[in-house]
Protein backbone atom coordinates (compact mmCIF):
# COMPACT_ATOMS: atom_id res chain seq x y z
CA MET A 1 -2.89 -22.89 -20.44
CA SER A 2 -4.19 -23.59 -24.20
CA GLU A 3 -5.42 -20.22 -25.40
CA ARG A 4 -9.12 -19.83 -26.89
CA ASP A 5 -11.23 -17.11 -27.83
CA ARG A 6 -13.82 -15.38 -25.76
CA THR A 7 -16.72 -12.62 -26.47
CA PRO A 8 -16.09 -9.71 -24.34
CA ALA A 9 -19.00 -10.37 -22.12
CA GLN A 10 -17.51 -14.29 -21.34
CA ALA A 11 -14.12 -12.42 -20.88
CA VAL A 12 -16.24 -10.24 -18.03
CA LEU A 13 -17.88 -13.13 -16.54
CA LEU A 14 -14.47 -15.11 -16.06
CA VAL A 15 -12.65 -12.18 -14.69
CA VAL A 16 -15.32 -11.09 -12.03
CA GLY A 17 -16.31 -14.84 -11.03
CA VAL A 18 -12.78 -15.47 -10.30
CA THR A 19 -11.73 -12.13 -8.68
CA VAL A 20 -15.10 -12.81 -6.28
CA LEU A 21 -14.22 -16.56 -5.50
CA VAL A 22 -10.07 -15.49 -5.29
CA SER A 23 -11.19 -12.75 -2.69
CA VAL A 24 -13.42 -14.52 -0.47
CA VAL A 25 -11.10 -16.83 -0.38
CA LEU A 26 -8.00 -14.89 0.91
CA ALA A 27 -10.41 -12.98 3.33
CA VAL A 28 -11.50 -16.08 4.90
CA LEU A 29 -7.63 -16.97 5.74
CA HIS A 30 -7.30 -12.96 6.52
CA VAL A 31 -4.64 -11.86 3.30
CA PRO A 32 -4.34 -8.39 3.06
CA SER A 33 -6.12 -6.52 0.49
CA ALA A 34 -7.64 -9.52 -0.71
CA VAL A 35 -9.76 -8.03 -3.17
CA LEU A 36 -6.75 -6.50 -4.69
CA PHE A 37 -5.24 -9.63 -4.95
CA GLY A 38 -8.32 -11.14 -6.09
CA SER A 39 -8.68 -8.58 -8.86
CA LEU A 40 -5.11 -9.37 -9.77
CA VAL A 41 -5.70 -13.26 -10.01
CA GLY A 42 -9.16 -12.62 -12.26
CA GLY A 43 -7.27 -10.10 -14.70
CA MET A 44 -4.50 -12.78 -15.14
CA ALA A 45 -7.10 -15.58 -15.62
CA HIS A 46 -8.18 -13.67 -18.81
CA ALA A 47 -5.19 -12.27 -19.92
CA LEU A 48 -2.78 -15.51 -20.02
CA THR A 49 -5.47 -18.35 -21.11
CA SER A 50 -7.17 -15.73 -24.15
CA PRO A 51 -6.25 -13.59 -27.13
CA THR A 52 -9.36 -12.06 -26.40
CA PRO A 53 -8.52 -8.09 -26.06
CA LEU A 54 -10.57 -6.97 -22.71
CA ALA A 55 -9.49 -3.23 -20.86
CA LEU A 56 -11.14 -0.96 -18.19
CA PRO A 57 -12.10 2.65 -19.63
CA ALA A 58 -9.18 4.76 -18.08
CA TRP A 59 -11.45 6.83 -15.96
CA SER A 60 -12.42 3.64 -13.98
CA PHE A 61 -8.50 3.16 -12.81
CA ARG A 62 -8.56 7.07 -11.59
CA ILE A 63 -11.61 6.70 -9.99
CA GLY A 64 -9.77 3.55 -7.90
CA GLN A 65 -6.86 5.90 -7.51
CA ALA A 66 -8.88 8.43 -5.96
CA LEU A 67 -10.59 6.01 -3.38
CA ILE A 68 -7.42 4.30 -2.58
CA GLY A 69 -6.13 8.06 -1.81
CA ILE A 70 -9.68 8.45 0.64
CA THR A 71 -9.12 5.52 2.28
CA ILE A 72 -5.48 7.07 3.37
CA GLY A 73 -6.90 10.24 3.86
CA ALA A 74 -9.65 9.65 6.40
CA LEU A 75 -6.50 7.81 8.87
CA VAL A 76 -4.87 10.89 9.04
CA SER A 77 -5.05 12.37 12.62
CA VAL A 78 -3.79 15.53 13.12
CA SER A 79 -3.83 15.16 16.77
CA ALA A 80 -1.87 12.18 16.31
CA LEU A 81 0.88 13.54 14.17
CA ALA A 82 1.36 16.39 16.77
CA ASP A 83 2.02 13.84 19.28
CA MET A 84 5.08 13.46 17.52
CA GLY A 85 6.65 16.68 18.05
CA PRO A 86 8.99 15.91 20.68
CA ALA A 87 10.67 12.95 19.06
CA LEU A 88 10.16 14.89 16.00
CA LEU A 89 13.77 15.23 15.08
CA PRO A 90 14.71 11.25 15.37
CA ILE A 91 11.51 10.07 13.71
CA LEU A 92 12.70 11.98 10.25
CA ALA A 93 15.69 10.16 10.40
CA VAL A 94 14.59 6.62 10.83
CA THR A 95 12.55 7.43 8.27
CA ALA A 96 14.36 9.03 5.78
CA ALA A 97 16.72 6.06 6.89
CA THR A 98 13.50 3.91 5.76
CA VAL A 99 13.13 5.47 2.56
CA LEU A 100 17.00 5.40 1.50
CA LEU A 101 17.24 1.79 2.76
CA SER A 102 14.70 0.95 0.30
CA VAL A 103 15.98 3.26 -2.78
CA ALA A 104 19.28 1.36 -2.23
CA ALA A 105 17.20 -2.42 -1.95
CA GLY A 106 15.36 -1.26 -5.28
CA GLN A 107 18.69 -0.41 -7.31
CA LEU A 108 20.01 -3.51 -6.28
CA LEU A 109 16.87 -5.37 -7.56
CA ALA A 110 17.50 -3.19 -10.51
CA LEU A 111 20.57 -4.77 -10.85
CA ARG A 112 18.46 -7.38 -13.00
CA ARG A 113 18.35 -6.07 -17.04
CA ASP A 114 14.79 -6.87 -16.73
CA VAL A 115 14.10 -4.56 -13.61
CA SER A 116 14.16 -0.66 -14.40
CA PRO A 117 16.00 1.67 -11.22
CA VAL A 118 12.17 2.80 -11.54
CA THR A 119 10.49 -0.45 -11.21
CA GLY A 120 12.96 -1.72 -8.63
CA ALA A 121 12.44 1.51 -6.36
CA PHE A 122 8.46 1.57 -6.11
CA ALA A 123 8.58 -2.45 -5.85
CA MET A 124 10.49 -2.28 -2.48
CA ILE A 125 9.48 1.04 -1.18
CA ALA A 126 8.83 0.23 2.41
CA GLY A 127 5.23 1.03 3.29
CA GLY A 128 1.97 2.01 1.80
CA ALA A 129 1.60 -0.76 -0.99
CA SER A 130 -1.78 0.08 -2.06
CA GLY A 131 -1.19 3.73 -2.98
CA VAL A 132 2.40 2.56 -4.03
CA VAL A 133 0.66 0.11 -6.44
CA ALA A 134 -2.07 2.48 -7.71
CA ILE A 135 0.59 5.38 -9.01
CA ALA A 136 3.38 2.81 -9.50
CA ARG A 137 2.68 2.85 -13.59
CA ASP A 138 1.76 6.86 -13.62
CA LEU A 139 5.34 7.12 -12.71
CA GLY A 140 6.54 4.73 -15.35
CA ALA A 141 7.17 1.76 -12.77
CA ASP A 142 6.65 -1.80 -14.17
CA ASP A 143 3.04 -2.06 -11.41
CA ARG A 144 3.18 -5.72 -12.35
CA VAL A 145 6.66 -6.39 -10.56
CA VAL A 146 5.69 -3.50 -8.18
CA THR A 147 2.51 -5.46 -7.03
CA VAL A 148 3.71 -8.91 -6.31
CA VAL A 149 6.89 -7.30 -4.43
CA GLN A 150 5.12 -4.91 -2.36
CA TYR A 151 2.60 -7.66 -1.20
CA LEU A 152 5.04 -10.25 -0.98
CA ARG A 153 6.80 -7.94 1.37
CA VAL A 154 3.70 -7.43 3.51
CA PHE A 155 3.37 -11.12 3.42
CA VAL A 156 7.13 -11.59 5.14
CA VAL A 157 6.00 -8.99 7.59
CA LEU A 158 3.02 -10.53 8.40
CA VAL A 159 4.87 -13.51 9.04
CA SER A 160 7.70 -12.38 11.09
CA MET A 161 5.96 -9.20 13.35
CA PRO A 162 4.14 -12.24 16.14
CA LEU A 163 7.62 -14.17 15.96
CA VAL A 164 9.45 -11.54 16.87
CA THR A 165 7.35 -9.92 19.33
CA ALA A 166 6.55 -12.95 21.01
CA VAL A 167 9.90 -14.01 21.21
CA VAL A 168 11.78 -10.62 22.09
CA PHE A 169 9.17 -8.58 23.76
CA HIS A 170 6.80 -10.89 25.70
CA PRO A 171 3.86 -8.88 25.97
CA ASP A 172 1.20 -9.24 27.30
CA HIS A 173 -1.95 -10.35 24.88
CA GLY A 174 -5.83 -8.75 24.92
CA LEU A 175 -5.17 -5.58 26.47
CA GLY A 176 -7.02 -4.32 23.76
CA THR A 177 -8.48 -3.88 20.29
CA PHE A 178 -7.83 -1.27 17.15
CA THR A 179 -11.10 -0.82 15.00
CA ALA A 180 -12.05 1.56 12.33
CA ASP A 181 -15.88 2.02 12.46
CA GLY A 182 -16.86 5.07 10.24
CA GLU A 183 -19.89 7.09 11.60
CA GLY A 184 -22.27 5.16 9.78
CA LEU A 185 -23.04 4.40 5.83
CA LEU A 186 -25.00 7.92 5.13
CA PRO A 187 -21.91 10.30 6.48
CA ASP A 188 -19.34 7.85 5.21
CA LEU A 189 -20.90 8.42 2.00
CA ALA A 190 -21.07 11.82 2.45
CA TYR A 191 -17.75 12.11 3.15
CA THR A 192 -16.46 10.08 0.44
CA ALA A 193 -18.25 11.91 -2.05
CA ALA A 194 -17.55 15.50 -1.34
CA ALA A 195 -13.57 13.71 -1.26
CA LEU A 196 -13.85 12.58 -4.33
CA ALA A 197 -15.42 15.67 -6.23
CA LEU A 198 -13.13 17.88 -4.66
CA GLY A 199 -10.07 15.84 -5.18
CA LEU A 200 -10.37 15.18 -8.27
CA VAL A 201 -10.91 19.10 -9.18
CA VAL A 202 -7.47 19.82 -7.51
CA ALA A 203 -5.52 16.73 -9.53
CA ARG A 204 -6.44 18.74 -12.43
CA LEU A 205 -5.09 21.88 -11.07
CA VAL A 206 -1.80 20.54 -9.55
CA PRO A 207 0.40 19.59 -12.59
CA ILE A 208 2.03 16.37 -11.20
CA SER A 209 1.57 12.10 -12.17
CA THR A 210 0.38 11.59 -8.39
CA ALA A 211 -2.13 14.39 -8.28
CA THR A 212 -5.23 11.76 -8.65
CA LEU A 213 -4.44 9.82 -5.58
CA LEU A 214 -2.60 12.54 -3.69
CA GLY A 215 -5.27 14.95 -4.29
CA PRO A 216 -8.52 13.42 -2.52
CA LEU A 217 -5.99 12.58 -0.32
CA VAL A 218 -5.36 15.84 0.96
CA VAL A 219 -9.09 16.89 0.97
CA ALA A 220 -10.07 13.65 2.63
CA ALA A 221 -7.63 14.42 5.31
CA ALA A 222 -8.49 18.41 5.70
CA LEU A 223 -11.83 16.80 6.12
CA THR A 224 -11.18 13.86 8.56
CA ALA A 225 -9.36 17.17 10.61
CA SER A 226 -12.27 19.50 10.44
CA GLY A 227 -14.38 17.21 12.52
CA TRP A 228 -17.41 18.59 10.19
CA LEU A 229 -18.62 14.73 9.60
CA GLY A 230 -16.86 13.21 12.62
CA THR A 231 -14.49 10.45 12.28
CA PRO A 232 -15.38 8.72 9.35
CA MET A 233 -14.31 6.79 6.58
CA VAL A 234 -14.55 4.83 2.97
CA PRO A 235 -17.62 2.62 3.33
CA VAL A 236 -15.89 -1.05 2.92
CA GLY A 237 -17.64 -1.62 -0.37
CA LEU A 238 -16.12 1.54 -1.93
CA GLN A 239 -12.55 0.23 -0.74
CA TRP A 240 -13.39 -3.07 -2.34
CA LEU A 241 -13.93 -1.25 -5.78
CA ALA A 242 -11.29 0.75 -5.64
CA TYR A 243 -8.85 -2.38 -5.15
CA ALA A 244 -10.90 -4.44 -8.02
CA LEU A 245 -10.40 -1.11 -10.08
CA ILE A 246 -6.39 -1.27 -9.49
CA GLY A 247 -5.86 -5.08 -9.32
CA VAL A 248 -7.84 -5.96 -12.77
CA GLN A 249 -6.22 -3.37 -14.76
CA VAL A 250 -2.94 -4.69 -13.60
CA GLY A 251 -3.61 -8.65 -13.80
CA LEU A 252 -5.21 -8.01 -17.76
CA ARG A 253 -1.42 -6.47 -18.41
CA PHE A 254 0.19 -9.56 -17.42
CA THR A 255 1.83 -12.08 -20.48
CA ARG A 256 3.15 -15.10 -19.69
CA ALA A 257 6.69 -14.06 -20.51
CA SER A 258 6.11 -11.53 -17.80
CA LEU A 259 5.16 -13.82 -15.68
CA ALA A 260 7.75 -16.09 -16.16
CA SER A 261 10.10 -13.32 -15.60
CA ILE A 262 8.73 -12.10 -11.96
CA ALA A 263 8.70 -15.63 -11.04
CA ARG A 264 12.65 -15.76 -11.62
CA MET A 265 13.05 -12.86 -9.82
CA LEU A 266 11.29 -14.39 -6.78
CA PRO A 267 14.11 -16.10 -4.81
CA THR A 268 16.37 -12.99 -5.18
CA VAL A 269 13.42 -10.67 -4.10
CA LEU A 270 12.69 -12.64 -0.84
CA LEU A 271 16.29 -12.22 0.11
CA ILE A 272 16.22 -9.04 0.04
CA ILE A 273 13.03 -8.57 1.34
CA VAL A 274 14.16 -9.93 4.70
CA ALA A 275 17.17 -8.96 4.49
CA MET A 276 15.13 -5.11 4.50
CA VAL A 277 12.81 -5.80 7.34
CA ALA A 278 15.81 -7.06 9.48
CA ALA A 279 17.22 -3.52 9.48
CA THR A 280 14.11 -2.01 9.81
CA ALA A 281 13.79 -3.56 13.04
CA LEU A 282 17.21 -2.25 13.94
CA LEU A 283 16.30 0.91 12.98
CA GLY A 284 13.44 0.76 15.73
CA ALA A 285 15.35 -0.35 18.10
CA LEU A 286 17.17 3.12 17.28
CA LEU A 287 14.35 4.88 17.97
CA ALA A 288 13.15 3.47 20.99
CA TRP A 289 17.24 4.13 22.12
CA LEU A 290 17.00 8.12 21.09
CA THR A 291 13.75 8.34 22.16
CA PRO A 292 11.14 7.54 25.45
CA VAL A 293 8.86 5.51 23.25
CA ASP A 294 9.55 1.52 24.22
CA GLY A 295 10.88 -1.18 22.26
CA LEU A 296 7.65 -2.56 21.46
CA THR A 297 6.44 0.48 20.59
CA ALA A 298 9.18 1.64 18.00
CA TYR A 299 9.20 -1.97 16.74
CA LEU A 300 5.80 -1.38 15.40
CA ALA A 301 5.97 2.16 14.48
CA THR A 302 8.44 1.15 11.97
CA THR A 303 7.22 -2.14 10.54
CA PRO A 304 7.89 -1.69 6.43
CA GLY A 305 3.87 -2.50 5.69
CA GLY A 306 0.44 -4.47 6.73
CA LEU A 307 -0.45 -1.27 8.67
CA PHE A 308 -3.77 -2.87 10.32
CA ALA A 309 -2.07 -6.00 10.95
CA VAL A 310 0.37 -3.35 12.94
CA LEU A 311 -2.26 -1.39 14.54
CA ALA A 312 -3.74 -4.48 15.57
CA THR A 313 -0.80 -6.29 17.10
CA ALA A 314 -0.13 -2.63 18.90
CA ALA A 315 -3.50 -2.72 20.87
CA ASP A 316 -3.34 -6.54 21.73
CA SER A 317 -0.20 -5.51 23.18
CA GLY A 318 -1.16 -2.49 25.14
CA SER A 319 1.56 -0.50 22.94
CA ASP A 320 1.19 3.09 21.82
CA VAL A 321 -1.58 2.78 19.08
CA THR A 322 -1.25 6.51 18.61
CA TYR A 323 1.85 6.42 18.41
CA VAL A 324 2.15 3.62 16.24
CA MET A 325 -0.01 5.45 13.54
CA ALA A 326 1.61 8.14 13.57
CA VAL A 327 4.89 7.45 12.66
CA GLN A 328 3.50 5.16 10.30
CA LEU A 329 1.59 7.53 8.43
CA PHE A 330 4.16 9.97 8.68
CA ARG A 331 6.14 7.53 6.64
CA LEU A 332 3.26 6.52 4.07
CA LEU A 333 2.74 10.66 3.50
CA VAL A 334 6.79 11.33 3.51
CA ILE A 335 6.56 8.66 0.65
CA LEU A 336 3.63 9.42 -1.41
CA ALA A 337 4.44 13.26 -1.46
CA PHE A 338 8.26 12.36 -2.47
CA THR A 339 7.66 9.86 -5.51
CA PRO A 340 7.02 11.80 -8.24
CA VAL A 341 10.60 13.52 -7.51
CA LEU A 342 12.04 9.83 -6.91
CA ALA A 343 10.54 8.76 -9.98
CA ARG A 344 12.30 12.07 -11.93
CA THR A 345 15.47 11.53 -10.16
CA LEU A 346 15.98 8.02 -11.06
CA ARG A 347 15.06 8.11 -14.67
CA ALA A 348 17.43 11.21 -14.88
CA HIS A 349 20.28 9.09 -13.43
CA ARG A 350 19.61 6.22 -15.84
CA GLY A 351 19.93 8.28 -18.83
């Protein structure tokens, strides 16, 4: 691609146009987080073809992080998490094993000279791709590598899950659907505004690097648990905005050298991801053996990513959707809570 100067206005038009076009195509193909992918490509389309500097204000990234935190917090169900009580110890063990497996896979990737231990860990951490991508840069990881590897893992999960489900478990289909419709635009907007305002206040008071995501997440989960607004969610348009604000800023930081470096590591990354997906499936079998839950539900509860696709598969096959969501969300919350500690530990170990 030949480089050419662009005015800032031309650069913005290119980024927005490519973002919209790619997002629509990916949405039609049912690719998860289509807008995040589309905006990533939109940012790269300018960064790789023109020396004209383009950057979004710092506050826009924080808004994107906060909205993603609220989106996750809206999914938290206290009753579903409470239902894990009788099987809490096996679930804790499987969750801990998954996190350790992720860290080990990340350190294997970090044997490459162009990947730091922190970047390797957050690229390979299982579950919560959008949340991990949103905080990766704050924790000292290369968010370009983290974004590509995280969503490559999600893609492998989405491709392998129907095959494993059909070949190993032979479930019936069409038994139910998973939907998250919210309470209507006005209650959803009120919920989002309250969680955003209060969450950002909490983030300013809590001195941790991921507070901009975790503060709104905690406030959103508390509002959801209170039931004051029913079962609200972040309006889809605001979810798209959050993904776009994160994706564009990651894309704008790509260079031809970084793109070539990531391309070179993809074969190795793919092998590690396939091994991780297989290992988490074995952890699902272990969970089924340790608890009364059936094998398919345990497998879906331990898949490393693709939450909404996993929940849709659970509903369609008649599995326990509540259990699957509880275990997946429990792992996600554990990961997001301990990422600052993990980052500090890895940096100290490297030092």
